[in-house]
């Protein structure tokens, strides 16, 4: 019976769009501790507990006040909407990345960001592979391919 209900919830979630906002979309974790559940409700078991405030996540489905999210490693599950915020963030992926003063790989390096570092996503201008970020109070530019938290071609101002 639970499998039938879970399948119905998954079908509803794709169509529900409870918030009226586009799917998928990036948001960030609002709290320092967020429960990832196997389904959209407190009756579902907790599968994982995130302990990284501001971690970027992607909302891939909605069901009433619950959001199905995916993290940068591909893990998926449900969280209550109150645990998510609209502030955009990013997480450095791959190797250590140079943060530049200007969007130019020949320019001045203002910081080096290790994999897993979370920062604020400030802007991603149209027609460029660069985004302006802030990591631990240092502002600079990173290539989109150096972090997770923005869609290819997405413009943020």
Protein backbone atom coordinates (compact mmCIF):
# COMPACT_ATOMS: atom_id res chain seq x y z
CA UNK A 1 0.00 0.00 0.00
CA UNK A 2 2.84 2.41 0.82
CA UNK A 3 4.42 1.79 -2.59
CA UNK A 4 1.16 2.70 -4.33
CA UNK A 5 0.88 5.89 -2.25
CA UNK A 6 4.54 6.79 -2.90
CA UNK A 7 3.98 6.43 -6.65
CA UNK A 8 0.88 8.64 -6.43
CA UNK A 9 2.81 11.26 -4.46
CA UNK A 10 5.59 11.24 -7.05
CA UNK A 11 3.08 11.76 -9.87
CA UNK A 12 1.32 14.57 -7.95
CA UNK A 13 4.62 16.22 -7.08
CA UNK A 14 5.59 16.71 -10.71
CA UNK A 15 2.23 18.34 -11.49
CA UNK A 16 1.40 20.03 -8.19
CA UNK A 17 3.77 23.01 -8.40
CA UNK A 18 2.32 24.17 -5.06
CA UNK A 19 4.48 27.30 -4.96
CA UNK A 20 3.84 28.36 -8.54
CA UNK A 21 7.59 28.71 -9.02
CA UNK A 22 9.47 26.94 -11.83
CA UNK A 23 10.87 23.44 -11.41
CA UNK A 24 13.68 22.65 -11.14
CA UNK A 25 15.25 25.61 -9.33
CA UNK A 26 18.15 26.22 -6.94
CA UNK A 27 17.71 27.32 -3.32
CA UNK A 28 19.81 26.88 -0.18
CA UNK A 29 19.38 25.24 3.21
CA UNK A 30 18.13 27.81 5.70
CA UNK A 31 19.08 25.95 8.89
CA UNK A 32 22.22 24.32 10.23
CA UNK A 33 20.38 21.01 10.63
CA UNK A 34 17.87 19.82 8.01
CA UNK A 35 16.21 16.39 7.87
CA UNK A 36 16.05 14.71 4.46
CA UNK A 37 13.07 12.34 4.44
CA UNK A 38 12.08 9.47 2.16
CA UNK A 39 8.66 11.07 1.48
CA UNK A 40 6.76 14.35 1.85
CA UNK A 41 5.75 14.29 5.52
CA UNK A 42 6.99 13.78 9.06
CA UNK A 43 5.62 10.23 9.01
CA UNK A 44 8.39 9.27 6.55
CA UNK A 45 11.76 8.15 7.92
CA UNK A 46 14.72 10.50 8.04
CA UNK A 47 17.27 9.27 5.53
CA UNK A 48 19.95 11.91 6.10
CA UNK A 49 20.58 14.99 8.24
CA UNK A 50 22.30 17.91 6.52
CA UNK A 51 24.48 19.94 8.83
CA UNK A 52 25.62 22.69 6.46
CA UNK A 53 23.61 25.88 6.49
CA UNK A 54 23.56 27.65 3.08
CA UNK A 55 24.29 24.43 1.19
CA UNK A 56 22.86 24.82 -2.33
CA UNK A 57 20.19 22.30 -3.28
CA UNK A 58 17.95 21.90 -6.30
CA UNK A 59 14.18 21.62 -5.89
CA UNK A 60 13.01 19.00 -8.36
CA UNK A 61 9.41 18.45 -7.19
CA UNK A 62 6.79 19.89 -4.83
CA UNK A 63 3.94 18.40 -2.82
CA UNK A 64 1.95 20.83 -0.66
CA UNK A 65 4.53 22.26 1.82
CA UNK A 66 7.21 19.66 1.02
CA UNK A 67 10.01 19.98 -1.52
CA UNK A 68 11.91 17.13 -3.13
CA UNK A 69 15.53 18.21 -3.38
CA UNK A 70 18.75 16.99 -4.96
CA UNK A 71 22.16 17.90 -3.60
CA UNK A 72 25.46 18.34 -5.43
CA UNK A 73 26.30 14.65 -4.99
CA UNK A 74 22.97 13.50 -6.44
CA UNK A 75 21.25 12.49 -3.17
CA UNK A 76 17.49 13.09 -3.26
CA UNK A 77 14.75 13.32 -0.67
CA UNK A 78 12.06 15.50 0.84
CA UNK A 79 12.39 18.51 3.17
CA UNK A 80 9.83 20.95 4.53
CA UNK A 81 9.72 24.26 2.70
CA UNK A 82 10.51 26.15 5.92
CA UNK A 83 14.02 24.63 5.86
CA UNK A 84 14.80 26.21 2.46
CA UNK A 85 15.69 29.78 1.60
CA UNK A 86 15.73 31.70 -1.67
CA UNK A 87 19.29 32.99 -1.17
CA UNK A 88 21.53 31.57 -3.85
CA UNK A 89 24.71 29.81 -2.88
CA UNK A 90 27.31 27.61 -4.53
CA UNK A 91 29.65 24.80 -3.58
CA UNK A 92 33.11 24.35 -5.06
CA UNK A 93 33.50 21.04 -6.90
CA UNK A 94 36.44 19.19 -8.40
CA UNK A 95 39.84 20.40 -7.29
CA UNK A 96 41.05 23.57 -5.62
CA UNK A 97 39.79 26.54 -7.63
CA UNK A 98 41.23 30.00 -8.19
CA UNK A 99 38.95 32.93 -7.42
CA UNK A 100 39.84 35.89 -9.63
CA UNK A 101 39.49 39.64 -9.06
CA UNK A 102 37.94 39.95 -12.53
CA UNK A 103 36.40 37.33 -14.86
CA UNK A 104 39.74 36.67 -16.55
CA UNK A 105 41.92 33.56 -16.04
CA UNK A 106 45.01 35.69 -16.70
CA UNK A 107 44.01 38.11 -13.94
CA UNK A 108 44.84 38.41 -10.26
CA UNK A 109 43.94 35.48 -8.01
CA UNK A 110 42.30 36.78 -4.81
CA UNK A 111 41.71 33.39 -3.17
CA UNK A 112 41.93 29.65 -3.63
CA UNK A 113 38.80 27.68 -2.77
CA UNK A 114 38.98 24.03 -1.73
CA UNK A 115 36.38 21.47 -2.83
CA UNK A 116 33.30 21.57 -0.61
CA UNK A 117 33.62 25.25 0.27
CA UNK A 118 30.26 27.04 0.23
CA UNK A 119 29.90 30.63 -0.89
CA UNK A 120 27.30 33.19 -1.88
CA UNK A 121 26.33 33.41 -5.52
CA UNK A 122 26.13 37.14 -6.32
CA UNK A 123 25.74 37.37 -10.12
CA UNK A 124 26.07 35.38 -13.31
CA UNK A 125 26.00 37.82 -16.24
CA UNK A 126 24.46 36.90 -19.57
CA UNK A 127 26.78 35.47 -22.20
CA UNK A 128 29.68 34.58 -19.93
CA UNK A 129 31.02 31.44 -18.28
CA UNK A 130 31.83 33.42 -15.09
CA UNK A 131 29.89 34.17 -11.92
CA UNK A 132 30.65 36.67 -9.16
CA UNK A 133 30.84 34.92 -5.78
CA UNK A 134 31.64 35.71 -2.17
CA UNK A 135 33.52 33.13 -0.13
CA UNK A 136 34.31 33.84 3.51
CA UNK A 137 34.12 37.61 2.91
CA UNK A 138 36.26 37.57 -0.23
CA UNK A 139 34.56 38.66 -3.45
CA UNK A 140 35.72 37.43 -6.82
CA UNK A 141 34.89 35.48 -9.95
CA UNK A 142 34.69 31.73 -10.60
CA UNK A 143 33.97 29.81 -13.78
CA UNK A 144 30.58 28.10 -13.73
CA UNK A 145 32.31 24.76 -14.24
CA UNK A 146 34.20 25.22 -10.95
CA UNK A 147 31.12 25.04 -8.74
CA UNK A 148 27.60 23.60 -8.43
CA UNK A 149 24.53 25.77 -7.87
CA UNK A 150 23.71 27.47 -11.18
CA UNK A 151 22.28 26.22 -14.45
CA UNK A 152 24.18 26.44 -17.72
CA UNK A 153 23.24 29.75 -19.33
CA UNK A 154 21.30 30.94 -16.26
CA UNK A 155 21.49 34.70 -15.75
CA UNK A 156 21.57 36.14 -12.20
CA UNK A 157 21.85 39.86 -11.58
